Amino acid sequence: MTKSVSIPRIRYRCVGEDDYMLHIDVTDDGAFTIDCGDYTSRKPTRGKLDRAQAQQLAELLAALGEPREHPAPEDNPCFVAELTVGDGRSVRHYRFWEGALDSDPDLKALVRLLEVLG
């Protein structure tokens, strides 16, 4: 990744059913770690964003807007996710049920890009 594209630190976490979990961390230098699994163990995937990925991520973050919550329905509390963008005073925190992503296209586009990094 070149220095011309600036992104903040991004942390995405989702917990689902049957011990499913997904953790994605992207540092401000473009390095990422993806740790996912269920009742089995897998080694985390590590990599570095290329320029196109960093540019797309920066554009999606710029379009994201202010944090908003999309709570899970009471009868389906699984697949609740948290997205943290930035650190310190500039941090933005989003908590949402993944089933509500269709009603928030900007958030959905960012989450889907994070999910396919590895």
Protein backbone atom coordinates (compact mmCIF):
# COMPACT_ATOMS: atom_id res chain seq x y z
CA MET A 1 0.00 0.00 0.00
CA THR A 2 1.34 3.45 -0.83
CA LYS A 3 1.32 6.37 1.57
CA SER A 4 -1.14 8.37 -0.56
CA VAL A 5 -4.21 6.52 0.78
CA SER A 6 -4.91 7.13 4.45
CA ILE A 7 -7.16 4.84 6.45
CA PRO A 8 -7.82 4.70 10.20
CA ARG A 9 -7.59 1.56 12.29
CA ILE A 10 -10.63 -0.67 11.79
CA ARG A 11 -11.83 -3.45 14.10
CA TYR A 12 -14.79 -5.60 13.11
CA ARG A 13 -16.20 -8.38 15.27
CA CYS A 14 -19.21 -10.62 14.74
CA VAL A 15 -20.47 -13.47 16.91
CA GLY A 16 -23.01 -15.94 15.58
CA GLU A 17 -24.42 -19.37 16.29
CA ASP A 18 -22.56 -22.62 17.02
CA ASP A 19 -19.46 -20.81 18.30
CA TYR A 20 -19.08 -18.88 15.01
CA MET A 21 -16.97 -15.75 15.27
CA LEU A 22 -15.25 -13.37 12.90
CA HIS A 23 -12.64 -10.79 13.93
CA ILE A 24 -11.04 -8.48 11.38
CA ASP A 25 -8.41 -5.93 12.34
CA VAL A 26 -6.96 -3.45 9.85
CA THR A 27 -4.19 -1.16 11.06
CA ASP A 28 -3.60 2.34 9.74
CA ASP A 29 -0.61 1.08 7.70
CA GLY A 30 -2.87 -1.37 5.81
CA ALA A 31 -1.87 -4.59 7.55
CA PHE A 32 -4.82 -6.84 8.33
CA THR A 33 -5.61 -9.95 10.35
CA ILE A 34 -8.71 -12.07 9.85
CA ASP A 35 -9.57 -14.60 12.54
CA CYS A 36 -12.68 -16.67 11.91
CA GLY A 37 -14.02 -19.99 12.93
CA ASP A 38 -16.68 -22.01 14.61
CA TYR A 39 -16.28 -25.07 16.79
CA THR A 40 -13.05 -25.80 14.87
CA SER A 41 -9.80 -23.86 15.04
CA ARG A 42 -8.18 -22.12 12.10
CA LYS A 43 -5.05 -20.07 11.80
CA PRO A 44 -5.66 -16.34 11.33
CA THR A 45 -5.11 -14.93 7.85
CA ARG A 46 -2.70 -12.01 7.61
CA GLY A 47 -1.98 -9.67 4.76
CA LYS A 48 -1.59 -6.12 3.58
CA LEU A 49 -4.06 -4.03 1.63
CA ASP A 50 -3.07 -3.23 -1.92
CA ARG A 51 -3.58 0.31 -3.21
CA ALA A 52 -6.98 -0.48 -4.79
CA GLN A 53 -8.30 -2.10 -1.58
CA ALA A 54 -7.05 0.82 0.53
CA GLN A 55 -8.67 3.33 -1.85
CA GLN A 56 -11.98 1.47 -1.84
CA LEU A 57 -11.90 1.15 1.95
CA ALA A 58 -11.16 4.89 2.34
CA GLU A 59 -14.10 5.75 0.06
CA LEU A 60 -16.49 3.47 1.93
CA LEU A 61 -15.38 4.89 5.28
CA ALA A 62 -15.94 8.44 4.01
CA ALA A 63 -19.50 7.52 2.97
CA LEU A 64 -20.30 5.73 6.22
CA GLY A 65 -21.56 8.68 8.22
CA GLU A 66 -22.29 8.84 11.92
CA PRO A 67 -22.64 5.72 14.09
CA ARG A 68 -26.10 4.21 14.31
CA GLU A 69 -27.40 1.03 15.88
CA HIS A 70 -29.46 -1.71 14.31
CA PRO A 71 -30.47 -3.96 17.22
CA ALA A 72 -31.12 -7.66 16.83
CA PRO A 73 -34.69 -8.87 17.12
CA GLU A 74 -35.48 -10.37 20.51
CA ASP A 75 -36.15 -13.78 18.97
CA ASN A 76 -32.81 -13.86 17.06
CA PRO A 77 -29.93 -12.42 19.09
CA CYS A 78 -27.19 -14.06 16.98
CA PHE A 79 -24.90 -12.41 14.47
CA VAL A 80 -24.52 -9.15 16.35
CA ALA A 81 -21.53 -7.23 15.07
CA GLU A 82 -19.41 -4.33 16.23
CA LEU A 83 -17.39 -2.08 13.98
CA THR A 84 -14.88 0.35 15.48
CA VAL A 85 -13.26 2.91 13.21
CA GLY A 86 -10.33 5.00 14.44
CA ASP A 87 -8.78 5.42 17.86
CA GLY A 88 -8.85 7.93 20.67
CA ARG A 89 -10.97 11.05 20.20
CA SER A 90 -11.82 10.27 16.58
CA VAL A 91 -13.23 6.79 17.24
CA ARG A 92 -16.61 5.83 15.76
CA HIS A 93 -18.39 2.75 17.08
CA TYR A 94 -21.20 0.91 15.28
CA ARG A 95 -23.15 -1.97 16.82
CA PHE A 96 -25.64 -3.80 14.63
CA TRP A 97 -27.44 -7.02 13.83
CA GLU A 98 -26.13 -8.37 10.51
CA GLY A 99 -29.67 -9.06 9.35
CA ALA A 100 -30.28 -5.30 9.28
CA LEU A 101 -27.47 -4.57 6.82
CA ASP A 102 -29.89 -4.51 3.88
CA SER A 103 -31.41 -1.36 5.37
CA ASP A 104 -28.01 0.35 5.60
CA PRO A 105 -26.22 0.03 2.23
CA ASP A 106 -23.13 2.09 3.21
CA LEU A 107 -22.47 -0.07 6.26
CA LYS A 108 -23.20 -3.23 4.26
CA ALA A 109 -20.69 -2.30 1.54
CA LEU A 110 -17.96 -1.70 4.11
CA VAL A 111 -18.62 -4.95 5.99
CA ARG A 112 -18.70 -6.99 2.78
CA LEU A 113 -15.37 -5.50 1.66
CA LEU A 114 -13.80 -6.37 5.03
CA GLU A 115 -15.12 -9.93 4.78
CA VAL A 116 -13.36 -10.58 1.47
CA LEU A 117 -9.93 -9.13 2.29
CA GLY A 118 -8.31 -12.50 2.90
